[in-house]
Amino acid sequence: MKKVSFYVLMFLVNTIALTANAQSKNEEPAFMEISGRALMNDVKTKNYAVSVYLDGRIIDSMYTATKRPITFAVEYNQVYTFLFQKEGCEDKVVIVNTKIPEGLKSMQDNTFEFQVEMSETLTKKSKETEDYPVAVLMINKNDELLEISEDYYKLTHKEDGVTSSNVSGRPKSAVKK
C-alpha cells in the first residue's frame, strides 16, 4: 500500500511540475528589465539618482555613486515615469510605456538599456516645454521591441534650440559586448 501511495504522490507532483513548466514557456514574462544610465558630455557619470513613478506615486528609487547603469524590473501594460536627478543638473524625465499593442503575441527581447544626457541649466529654454519628458519609450508592434519614439522629441521641441540626442537606447540583445 505504501508503494502505491508513493507512486500516486510522485505522479501528482510530476504532473503539477510539468503543467507549471508548460505554462511558463507559453506565457510572456510579467516583467521587463529596464536599465538607465546618466551621461555628462557623452561620458558615463556617477553620483545621480533615478526615481520610478507609476500613477503619480513613487514605486522605486536608487542612487548610484558608480558609473554602472541602474536596473529596474517593470510590469507590462503600465506607463512609468523615470526621473533622473544629479546635483547641479536639470532633472530629466523619461516616459516608459510597457503597454503591449493589441495583436502582439510576444516580445523579441524583455530588456532595454538607455542613456540620458544630463545637462546644466540651459540658457535658452521654452517655458512651454520645460517640464516635458526628454523621451518616450513604447513597444513597437512590428519590431516586437521596446523603442524610443522618433517623433516625440521633434514634435515637442521645435524651437528651443536643444538637439534631439538627449536620450539613446536599444534592447540589450542589440548591444555589442
N, C-alpha and C. Protein backbone atom coordinates (compact mmCIF):
# COMPACT_ATOMS: atom_id res chain seq x y z
N MET A 1 0.82 -1.19 0.00
CA MET A 1 0.00 0.00 0.00
C MET A 1 0.87 1.27 0.00
N LYS A 2 1.97 1.21 0.76
CA LYS A 2 2.87 2.35 0.81
C LYS A 2 3.47 2.65 -0.56
N LYS A 3 3.80 1.58 -1.32
CA LYS A 3 4.37 1.77 -2.65
C LYS A 3 3.37 2.43 -3.59
N VAL A 4 2.12 2.02 -3.52
CA VAL A 4 1.09 2.59 -4.38
C VAL A 4 0.89 4.07 -4.04
N SER A 5 0.83 4.40 -2.76
CA SER A 5 0.67 5.80 -2.32
C SER A 5 1.86 6.64 -2.79
N PHE A 6 3.05 6.07 -2.67
CA PHE A 6 4.25 6.79 -3.09
C PHE A 6 4.20 7.09 -4.59
N TYR A 7 3.83 6.10 -5.41
CA TYR A 7 3.77 6.30 -6.85
C TYR A 7 2.67 7.28 -7.25
N VAL A 8 1.55 7.24 -6.57
CA VAL A 8 0.46 8.19 -6.84
C VAL A 8 0.92 9.60 -6.51
N LEU A 9 1.58 9.75 -5.35
CA LEU A 9 2.09 11.05 -4.95
C LEU A 9 3.13 11.56 -5.96
N MET A 10 4.03 10.71 -6.39
CA MET A 10 5.05 11.11 -7.36
C MET A 10 4.41 11.50 -8.70
N PHE A 11 3.39 10.76 -9.11
CA PHE A 11 2.68 11.08 -10.34
C PHE A 11 2.03 12.46 -10.25
N LEU A 12 1.39 12.76 -9.13
CA LEU A 12 0.74 14.07 -8.95
C LEU A 12 1.76 15.21 -8.95
N VAL A 13 2.84 15.04 -8.23
CA VAL A 13 3.89 16.08 -8.18
C VAL A 13 4.48 16.29 -9.56
N ASN A 14 4.75 15.24 -10.29
CA ASN A 14 5.32 15.33 -11.63
C ASN A 14 4.35 16.02 -12.59
N THR A 15 3.07 15.68 -12.50
CA THR A 15 2.06 16.30 -13.36
C THR A 15 1.96 17.80 -13.10
N ILE A 16 1.95 18.17 -11.83
CA ILE A 16 1.87 19.60 -11.48
C ILE A 16 3.10 20.34 -11.98
N ALA A 17 4.27 19.76 -11.80
CA ALA A 17 5.52 20.41 -12.25
C ALA A 17 5.54 20.57 -13.76
N LEU A 18 5.13 19.55 -14.51
CA LEU A 18 5.12 19.63 -15.96
C LEU A 18 4.11 20.66 -16.46
N THR A 19 2.95 20.73 -15.81
CA THR A 19 1.93 21.72 -16.19
C THR A 19 2.44 23.13 -15.95
N ALA A 20 3.05 23.36 -14.79
CA ALA A 20 3.59 24.69 -14.49
C ALA A 20 4.69 25.07 -15.47
N ASN A 21 5.56 24.12 -15.82
CA ASN A 21 6.64 24.38 -16.76
C ASN A 21 6.10 24.70 -18.15
N ALA A 22 5.09 23.97 -18.59
CA ALA A 22 4.49 24.22 -19.91
C ALA A 22 3.83 25.58 -19.95
N GLN A 23 3.18 25.98 -18.87
CA GLN A 23 2.54 27.29 -18.84
C GLN A 23 3.58 28.40 -18.87
N SER A 24 4.68 28.22 -18.13
CA SER A 24 5.69 29.28 -18.09
C SER A 24 6.37 29.45 -19.44
N LYS A 25 6.46 28.40 -20.25
CA LYS A 25 7.07 28.51 -21.58
C LYS A 25 6.15 29.22 -22.56
N ASN A 26 4.85 29.14 -22.35
CA ASN A 26 3.89 29.73 -23.28
C ASN A 26 3.50 31.15 -22.92
N GLU A 27 3.75 31.59 -21.72
CA GLU A 27 3.33 32.92 -21.29
C GLU A 27 4.46 33.93 -21.43
N GLU A 28 4.09 35.15 -21.73
CA GLU A 28 5.04 36.26 -21.78
C GLU A 28 5.49 36.57 -20.35
N PRO A 29 6.77 36.84 -20.11
CA PRO A 29 7.19 37.21 -18.76
C PRO A 29 6.39 38.42 -18.27
N ALA A 30 6.14 38.46 -16.98
CA ALA A 30 5.33 39.53 -16.39
C ALA A 30 6.12 40.83 -16.25
N PHE A 31 7.45 40.75 -16.32
CA PHE A 31 8.27 41.93 -16.09
C PHE A 31 9.23 42.17 -17.25
N MET A 32 9.61 43.43 -17.40
CA MET A 32 10.62 43.84 -18.36
C MET A 32 11.75 44.48 -17.56
N GLU A 33 12.98 44.19 -17.93
CA GLU A 33 14.13 44.77 -17.25
C GLU A 33 14.56 46.03 -17.98
N ILE A 34 14.49 47.16 -17.28
CA ILE A 34 14.87 48.46 -17.84
C ILE A 34 16.12 48.95 -17.12
N SER A 35 17.16 49.29 -17.88
CA SER A 35 18.39 49.82 -17.30
C SER A 35 18.62 51.22 -17.84
N GLY A 36 18.93 52.14 -16.95
CA GLY A 36 19.20 53.51 -17.35
C GLY A 36 20.54 53.98 -16.81
N ARG A 37 21.15 54.87 -17.56
CA ARG A 37 22.46 55.40 -17.17
C ARG A 37 22.49 56.89 -17.51
N ALA A 38 23.16 57.67 -16.68
CA ALA A 38 23.31 59.10 -16.93
C ALA A 38 24.67 59.37 -17.57
N LEU A 39 24.67 60.34 -18.48
CA LEU A 39 25.90 60.78 -19.15
C LEU A 39 26.08 62.27 -18.91
N MET A 40 27.32 62.71 -18.90
CA MET A 40 27.66 64.13 -18.92
C MET A 40 28.64 64.32 -20.06
N ASN A 41 28.27 65.13 -21.05
CA ASN A 41 29.10 65.36 -22.23
C ASN A 41 29.47 64.04 -22.92
N ASP A 42 28.48 63.17 -23.07
CA ASP A 42 28.62 61.86 -23.72
C ASP A 42 29.57 60.90 -23.00
N VAL A 43 29.84 61.15 -21.72
CA VAL A 43 30.70 60.29 -20.92
C VAL A 43 29.89 59.78 -19.73
N LYS A 44 30.02 58.49 -19.41
CA LYS A 44 29.32 57.93 -18.26
C LYS A 44 29.63 58.75 -17.02
N THR A 45 28.61 58.99 -16.20
CA THR A 45 28.81 59.79 -15.00
C THR A 45 28.34 59.01 -13.78
N LYS A 46 28.66 59.52 -12.61
CA LYS A 46 28.26 58.87 -11.35
C LYS A 46 27.59 59.90 -10.45
N ASN A 47 27.17 59.47 -9.29
CA ASN A 47 26.52 60.32 -8.30
C ASN A 47 25.23 60.94 -8.84
N TYR A 48 24.30 60.09 -9.20
CA TYR A 48 22.98 60.54 -9.64
C TYR A 48 21.91 59.60 -9.10
N ALA A 49 20.68 60.05 -9.13
CA ALA A 49 19.56 59.25 -8.62
C ALA A 49 18.53 59.05 -9.72
N VAL A 50 17.85 57.91 -9.67
CA VAL A 50 16.74 57.63 -10.57
C VAL A 50 15.55 57.22 -9.70
N SER A 51 14.42 57.87 -9.92
CA SER A 51 13.18 57.52 -9.23
C SER A 51 12.19 57.04 -10.28
N VAL A 52 11.42 56.01 -9.94
CA VAL A 52 10.43 55.45 -10.86
C VAL A 52 9.05 55.70 -10.27
N TYR A 53 8.16 56.27 -11.10
CA TYR A 53 6.80 56.58 -10.68
C TYR A 53 5.81 55.79 -11.51
N LEU A 54 4.71 55.40 -10.86
CA LEU A 54 3.59 54.75 -11.52
C LEU A 54 2.33 55.42 -10.98
N ASP A 55 1.51 55.94 -11.88
CA ASP A 55 0.28 56.64 -11.49
C ASP A 55 0.54 57.77 -10.49
N GLY A 56 1.65 58.48 -10.68
CA GLY A 56 1.96 59.64 -9.85
C GLY A 56 2.56 59.30 -8.49
N ARG A 57 2.73 58.02 -8.20
CA ARG A 57 3.31 57.60 -6.92
C ARG A 57 4.68 56.98 -7.16
N ILE A 58 5.62 57.33 -6.29
CA ILE A 58 6.96 56.76 -6.41
C ILE A 58 6.90 55.28 -6.00
N ILE A 59 7.43 54.41 -6.85
CA ILE A 59 7.43 52.98 -6.54
C ILE A 59 8.83 52.45 -6.29
N ASP A 60 9.85 53.18 -6.73
CA ASP A 60 11.22 52.73 -6.50
C ASP A 60 12.16 53.90 -6.76
N SER A 61 13.29 53.89 -6.10
CA SER A 61 14.31 54.89 -6.37
C SER A 61 15.66 54.31 -5.99
N MET A 62 16.69 54.83 -6.65
CA MET A 62 18.03 54.33 -6.40
C MET A 62 19.03 55.44 -6.66
N TYR A 63 20.07 55.49 -5.84
CA TYR A 63 21.17 56.41 -6.01
C TYR A 63 22.40 55.58 -6.34
N THR A 64 23.21 56.06 -7.27
CA THR A 64 24.44 55.34 -7.58
C THR A 64 25.64 56.28 -7.51
N ALA A 65 26.66 55.79 -6.86
CA ALA A 65 27.92 56.52 -6.78
C ALA A 65 28.91 55.97 -7.81
N THR A 66 28.43 55.04 -8.65
CA THR A 66 29.29 54.44 -9.68
C THR A 66 28.80 54.84 -11.07
N LYS A 67 29.51 54.42 -12.08
CA LYS A 67 29.13 54.72 -13.46
C LYS A 67 28.30 53.60 -14.09
N ARG A 68 27.96 52.58 -13.32
CA ARG A 68 27.15 51.48 -13.84
C ARG A 68 25.70 51.90 -14.00
N PRO A 69 24.99 51.27 -14.93
CA PRO A 69 23.56 51.61 -15.09
C PRO A 69 22.74 51.12 -13.90
N ILE A 70 21.61 51.77 -13.71
CA ILE A 70 20.65 51.38 -12.68
C ILE A 70 19.58 50.56 -13.36
N THR A 71 19.25 49.41 -12.79
CA THR A 71 18.30 48.48 -13.41
C THR A 71 17.05 48.34 -12.55
N PHE A 72 15.89 48.39 -13.22
CA PHE A 72 14.60 48.23 -12.55
C PHE A 72 13.80 47.18 -13.31
N ALA A 73 12.99 46.41 -12.59
CA ALA A 73 12.04 45.48 -13.21
C ALA A 73 10.68 46.18 -13.20
N VAL A 74 10.08 46.31 -14.38
CA VAL A 74 8.77 46.96 -14.50
C VAL A 74 7.77 46.00 -15.14
N GLU A 75 6.52 46.12 -14.74
CA GLU A 75 5.47 45.26 -15.28
C GLU A 75 5.04 45.74 -16.65
N TYR A 76 4.55 44.79 -17.44
CA TYR A 76 3.96 45.15 -18.72
C TYR A 76 2.61 45.82 -18.51
N ASN A 77 2.14 46.52 -19.56
CA ASN A 77 0.83 47.17 -19.60
C ASN A 77 0.70 48.29 -18.58
N GLN A 78 1.78 49.03 -18.36
CA GLN A 78 1.80 50.18 -17.47
C GLN A 78 2.55 51.32 -18.16
N VAL A 79 2.39 52.53 -17.63
CA VAL A 79 3.17 53.68 -18.10
C VAL A 79 3.94 54.22 -16.90
N TYR A 80 5.27 54.18 -17.00
CA TYR A 80 6.15 54.59 -15.91
C TYR A 80 6.83 55.91 -16.25
N THR A 81 7.18 56.66 -15.20
CA THR A 81 7.97 57.87 -15.35
C THR A 81 9.29 57.63 -14.63
N PHE A 82 10.40 57.78 -15.36
CA PHE A 82 11.73 57.67 -14.78
C PHE A 82 12.27 59.09 -14.63
N LEU A 83 12.61 59.48 -13.42
CA LEU A 83 13.14 60.80 -13.13
C LEU A 83 14.62 60.69 -12.78
N PHE A 84 15.49 61.27 -13.62
CA PHE A 84 16.93 61.29 -13.38
C PHE A 84 17.29 62.61 -12.73
N GLN A 85 18.05 62.55 -11.62
CA GLN A 85 18.45 63.76 -10.90
C GLN A 85 19.93 63.68 -10.56
N LYS A 86 20.62 64.80 -10.80
CA LYS A 86 22.04 64.91 -10.48
C LYS A 86 22.28 66.33 -10.01
N GLU A 87 23.03 66.47 -8.93
CA GLU A 87 23.29 67.79 -8.38
C GLU A 87 23.95 68.69 -9.41
N GLY A 88 23.43 69.90 -9.55
CA GLY A 88 23.97 70.86 -10.50
C GLY A 88 23.43 70.71 -11.91
N CYS A 89 22.52 69.75 -12.10
CA CYS A 89 21.96 69.50 -13.43
C CYS A 89 20.44 69.59 -13.40
N GLU A 90 19.89 69.82 -14.58
CA GLU A 90 18.43 69.80 -14.70
C GLU A 90 17.92 68.38 -14.56
N ASP A 91 16.75 68.23 -13.95
CA ASP A 91 16.12 66.91 -13.87
C ASP A 91 15.72 66.49 -15.28
N LYS A 92 15.82 65.20 -15.55
CA LYS A 92 15.42 64.64 -16.84
C LYS A 92 14.36 63.59 -16.61
N VAL A 93 13.30 63.62 -17.43
CA VAL A 93 12.19 62.69 -17.31
C VAL A 93 12.11 61.83 -18.57
N VAL A 94 11.96 60.52 -18.38
CA VAL A 94 11.76 59.58 -19.49
C VAL A 94 10.48 58.81 -19.19
N ILE A 95 9.57 58.78 -20.15
CA ILE A 95 8.33 58.03 -20.02
C ILE A 95 8.54 56.65 -20.66
N VAL A 96 8.22 55.59 -19.93
CA VAL A 96 8.35 54.22 -20.43
C VAL A 96 6.96 53.60 -20.45
N ASN A 97 6.45 53.37 -21.66
CA ASN A 97 5.13 52.77 -21.85
C ASN A 97 5.31 51.30 -22.19
N THR A 98 4.95 50.41 -21.27
CA THR A 98 5.13 48.98 -21.49
C THR A 98 3.83 48.30 -21.91
N LYS A 99 2.86 49.10 -22.37
CA LYS A 99 1.60 48.51 -22.82
C LYS A 99 1.84 47.73 -24.10
N ILE A 100 1.41 46.48 -24.10
CA ILE A 100 1.62 45.62 -25.26
C ILE A 100 0.52 45.90 -26.28
N PRO A 101 0.89 46.27 -27.51
CA PRO A 101 -0.12 46.55 -28.54
C PRO A 101 -0.99 45.34 -28.82
N GLU A 102 -2.24 45.60 -29.13
CA GLU A 102 -3.18 44.52 -29.44
C GLU A 102 -2.67 43.72 -30.64
N GLY A 103 -2.71 42.42 -30.53
CA GLY A 103 -2.27 41.55 -31.61
C GLY A 103 -0.83 41.10 -31.49
N LEU A 104 -0.03 41.74 -30.63
CA LEU A 104 1.36 41.32 -30.45
C LEU A 104 1.38 40.12 -29.51
N LYS A 105 1.91 39.01 -29.99
CA LYS A 105 1.89 37.78 -29.21
C LYS A 105 3.06 37.66 -28.24
N SER A 106 4.23 38.16 -28.64
CA SER A 106 5.39 38.05 -27.76
C SER A 106 6.41 39.13 -28.12
N MET A 107 7.31 39.37 -27.18
CA MET A 107 8.38 40.33 -27.39
C MET A 107 9.65 39.58 -27.79
N GLN A 108 10.46 40.19 -28.65
CA GLN A 108 11.74 39.59 -29.03
C GLN A 108 12.74 39.66 -27.88
N ASP A 109 12.64 40.72 -27.08
CA ASP A 109 13.60 40.97 -26.02
C ASP A 109 12.86 41.62 -24.85
N ASN A 110 13.08 41.13 -23.64
CA ASN A 110 12.42 41.67 -22.45
C ASN A 110 13.35 42.57 -21.65
N THR A 111 14.36 43.11 -22.32
CA THR A 111 15.29 44.02 -21.66
C THR A 111 15.42 45.28 -22.52
N PHE A 112 15.79 46.37 -21.88
CA PHE A 112 16.04 47.61 -22.61
C PHE A 112 17.02 48.44 -21.80
N GLU A 113 18.02 48.99 -22.47
CA GLU A 113 19.01 49.83 -21.82
C GLU A 113 19.05 51.18 -22.52
N PHE A 114 18.98 52.26 -21.72
CA PHE A 114 19.03 53.59 -22.34
C PHE A 114 19.95 54.50 -21.54
N GLN A 115 20.35 55.59 -22.19
CA GLN A 115 21.22 56.58 -21.58
C GLN A 115 20.58 57.95 -21.68
N VAL A 116 20.73 58.74 -20.64
CA VAL A 116 20.16 60.09 -20.61
C VAL A 116 21.31 61.08 -20.43
N GLU A 117 21.38 62.04 -21.33
CA GLU A 117 22.40 63.08 -21.25
C GLU A 117 21.95 64.13 -20.24
N MET A 118 22.67 64.26 -19.13
CA MET A 118 22.37 65.27 -18.12
C MET A 118 23.02 66.58 -18.58
N SER A 119 22.42 67.68 -18.21
CA SER A 119 22.98 68.97 -18.63
C SER A 119 22.74 70.01 -17.56
N GLU A 120 23.67 70.95 -17.53
CA GLU A 120 23.49 72.07 -16.62
C GLU A 120 22.35 72.93 -17.15
N THR A 121 21.91 73.89 -16.37
CA THR A 121 20.78 74.73 -16.77
C THR A 121 21.01 75.32 -18.15
N LEU A 122 20.03 75.16 -19.02
CA LEU A 122 20.12 75.68 -20.37
C LEU A 122 19.81 77.17 -20.37
N THR A 123 20.49 77.92 -21.24
CA THR A 123 20.24 79.35 -21.31
C THR A 123 19.00 79.65 -22.14
N LYS A 124 18.72 78.82 -23.14
CA LYS A 124 17.56 79.04 -23.99
C LYS A 124 16.62 77.86 -23.84
N LYS A 125 15.52 78.09 -23.11
CA LYS A 125 14.59 77.01 -22.87
C LYS A 125 13.17 77.56 -22.89
N SER A 126 12.34 76.93 -23.64
CA SER A 126 10.95 77.35 -23.75
C SER A 126 10.20 77.02 -22.47
N LYS A 127 9.50 78.00 -21.91
CA LYS A 127 8.67 77.77 -20.72
C LYS A 127 7.61 76.71 -21.00
N GLU A 128 7.17 76.66 -22.23
CA GLU A 128 6.11 75.72 -22.62
C GLU A 128 6.57 74.27 -22.53
N THR A 129 7.86 74.01 -22.76
CA THR A 129 8.33 72.63 -22.80
C THR A 129 9.26 72.26 -21.65
N GLU A 130 9.44 73.13 -20.67
CA GLU A 130 10.45 72.87 -19.65
C GLU A 130 10.19 71.62 -18.80
N ASP A 131 8.95 71.20 -18.65
CA ASP A 131 8.68 70.01 -17.85
C ASP A 131 8.33 68.79 -18.71
N TYR A 132 8.55 68.86 -20.01
CA TYR A 132 8.29 67.73 -20.89
C TYR A 132 9.34 66.65 -20.67
N PRO A 133 8.96 65.38 -20.85
CA PRO A 133 9.97 64.31 -20.80
C PRO A 133 10.97 64.49 -21.93
N VAL A 134 12.19 63.98 -21.74
CA VAL A 134 13.18 64.05 -22.80
C VAL A 134 12.97 62.94 -23.82
N ALA A 135 12.21 61.90 -23.44
CA ALA A 135 11.94 60.80 -24.37
C ALA A 135 10.72 60.02 -23.93
N VAL A 136 10.12 59.34 -24.90
CA VAL A 136 9.03 58.42 -24.63
C VAL A 136 9.42 57.08 -25.26
N LEU A 137 9.35 56.01 -24.46
CA LEU A 137 9.66 54.66 -24.93
C LEU A 137 8.35 53.89 -25.03
N MET A 138 8.15 53.19 -26.16
CA MET A 138 6.92 52.44 -26.38
C MET A 138 7.25 51.13 -27.09
N ILE A 139 6.38 50.14 -26.92
CA ILE A 139 6.57 48.86 -27.60
C ILE A 139 6.13 49.00 -29.05
N ASN A 140 7.03 48.67 -29.97
CA ASN A 140 6.75 48.71 -31.40
C ASN A 140 6.20 47.34 -31.81
N LYS A 141 4.97 47.33 -32.28
CA LYS A 141 4.30 46.08 -32.65
C LYS A 141 5.03 45.36 -33.79
N ASN A 142 5.48 46.09 -34.78
CA ASN A 142 6.14 45.48 -35.94
C ASN A 142 7.48 44.85 -35.58
N ASP A 143 8.27 45.54 -34.77
CA ASP A 143 9.59 45.04 -34.39
C ASP A 143 9.55 44.15 -33.15
N GLU A 144 8.43 44.17 -32.42
CA GLU A 144 8.25 43.40 -31.19
C GLU A 144 9.29 43.77 -30.16
N LEU A 145 9.65 45.06 -30.08
CA LEU A 145 10.66 45.55 -29.15
C LEU A 145 10.23 46.88 -28.54
N LEU A 146 10.77 47.18 -27.36
CA LEU A 146 10.60 48.50 -26.76
C LEU A 146 11.55 49.44 -27.48
N GLU A 147 11.05 50.57 -27.97
CA GLU A 147 11.88 51.50 -28.73
C GLU A 147 11.60 52.94 -28.31
N ILE A 148 12.55 53.81 -28.59
CA ILE A 148 12.39 55.24 -28.33
C ILE A 148 11.56 55.84 -29.45
N SER A 149 10.57 56.65 -29.10
CA SER A 149 9.74 57.31 -30.10
C SER A 149 10.59 58.31 -30.88
N GLU A 150 10.65 58.12 -32.18
CA GLU A 150 11.44 59.01 -33.05
C GLU A 150 10.76 60.38 -33.19
N ASP A 151 9.46 60.41 -33.17
CA ASP A 151 8.72 61.63 -33.44
C ASP A 151 8.48 62.50 -32.21
N TYR A 152 8.50 61.91 -31.02
CA TYR A 152 8.13 62.66 -29.81
C TYR A 152 8.97 63.92 -29.65
N TYR A 153 10.28 63.79 -29.68
CA TYR A 153 11.15 64.94 -29.43
C TYR A 153 10.96 66.03 -30.49
N LYS A 154 10.84 65.62 -31.74
CA LYS A 154 10.66 66.59 -32.82
C LYS A 154 9.37 67.38 -32.63
N LEU A 155 8.31 66.72 -32.19
CA LEU A 155 7.02 67.38 -32.02
C LEU A 155 6.99 68.32 -30.82
N THR A 156 7.75 68.03 -29.78
CA THR A 156 7.67 68.83 -28.55
C THR A 156 8.76 69.87 -28.41
N HIS A 157 9.82 69.80 -29.20
CA HIS A 157 10.94 70.73 -29.05
C HIS A 157 11.31 71.38 -30.38
N LYS A 158 10.34 71.96 -31.03
CA LYS A 158 10.58 72.53 -32.36
C LYS A 158 11.53 73.71 -32.35
N GLU A 159 11.41 74.58 -31.34
CA GLU A 159 12.14 75.84 -31.44
C GLU A 159 13.00 76.16 -30.23
N ASP A 160 13.31 75.20 -29.39
CA ASP A 160 14.04 75.55 -28.18
C ASP A 160 15.56 75.46 -28.33
N GLY A 161 16.05 75.06 -29.50
CA GLY A 161 17.48 75.07 -29.75
C GLY A 161 18.24 73.90 -29.13
N VAL A 162 17.53 72.92 -28.60
CA VAL A 162 18.18 71.78 -27.99
C VAL A 162 18.18 70.63 -28.99
N THR A 163 19.28 69.89 -29.05
CA THR A 163 19.34 68.78 -30.01
C THR A 163 18.51 67.60 -29.50
N SER A 164 18.16 66.70 -30.40
CA SER A 164 17.33 65.54 -30.04
C SER A 164 18.16 64.37 -29.54
N SER A 165 19.43 64.58 -29.24
CA SER A 165 20.28 63.48 -28.80
C SER A 165 20.36 63.37 -27.28
N ASN A 166 19.34 63.81 -26.57
CA ASN A 166 19.36 63.73 -25.11
C ASN A 166 19.24 62.31 -24.59
N VAL A 167 18.62 61.42 -25.35
CA VAL A 167 18.40 60.05 -24.91
C VAL A 167 18.72 59.10 -26.04
N SER A 168 19.40 58.02 -25.71
CA SER A 168 19.62 56.96 -26.68
C SER A 168 19.39 55.64 -25.99
N GLY A 169 18.98 54.64 -26.75
CA GLY A 169 18.76 53.34 -26.12
C GLY A 169 18.39 52.29 -27.12
N ARG A 170 18.44 51.03 -26.68
CA ARG A 170 18.09 49.89 -27.51
C ARG A 170 17.93 48.68 -26.62
N PRO A 171 17.28 47.63 -27.14
CA PRO A 171 17.18 46.39 -26.38
C PRO A 171 18.58 45.88 -26.06
N LYS A 172 18.74 45.27 -24.90
CA LYS A 172 20.06 44.77 -24.53
C LYS A 172 20.60 43.75 -25.51
N SER A 173 19.70 42.99 -26.17
CA SER A 173 20.18 41.99 -27.13
C SER A 173 20.86 42.64 -28.32
N ALA A 174 20.61 43.93 -28.55
CA ALA A 174 21.22 44.63 -29.67
C ALA A 174 22.55 45.27 -29.28
N VAL A 175 22.90 45.24 -28.01
CA VAL A 175 24.13 45.87 -27.53
C VAL A 175 25.29 44.92 -27.78
N LYS A 176 26.30 45.43 -28.47
CA LYS A 176 27.50 44.61 -28.73
C LYS A 176 28.36 44.62 -27.49
N LYS A 177 28.79 43.43 -27.10
CA LYS A 177 29.58 43.31 -25.87
C LYS A 177 31.04 43.23 -26.17
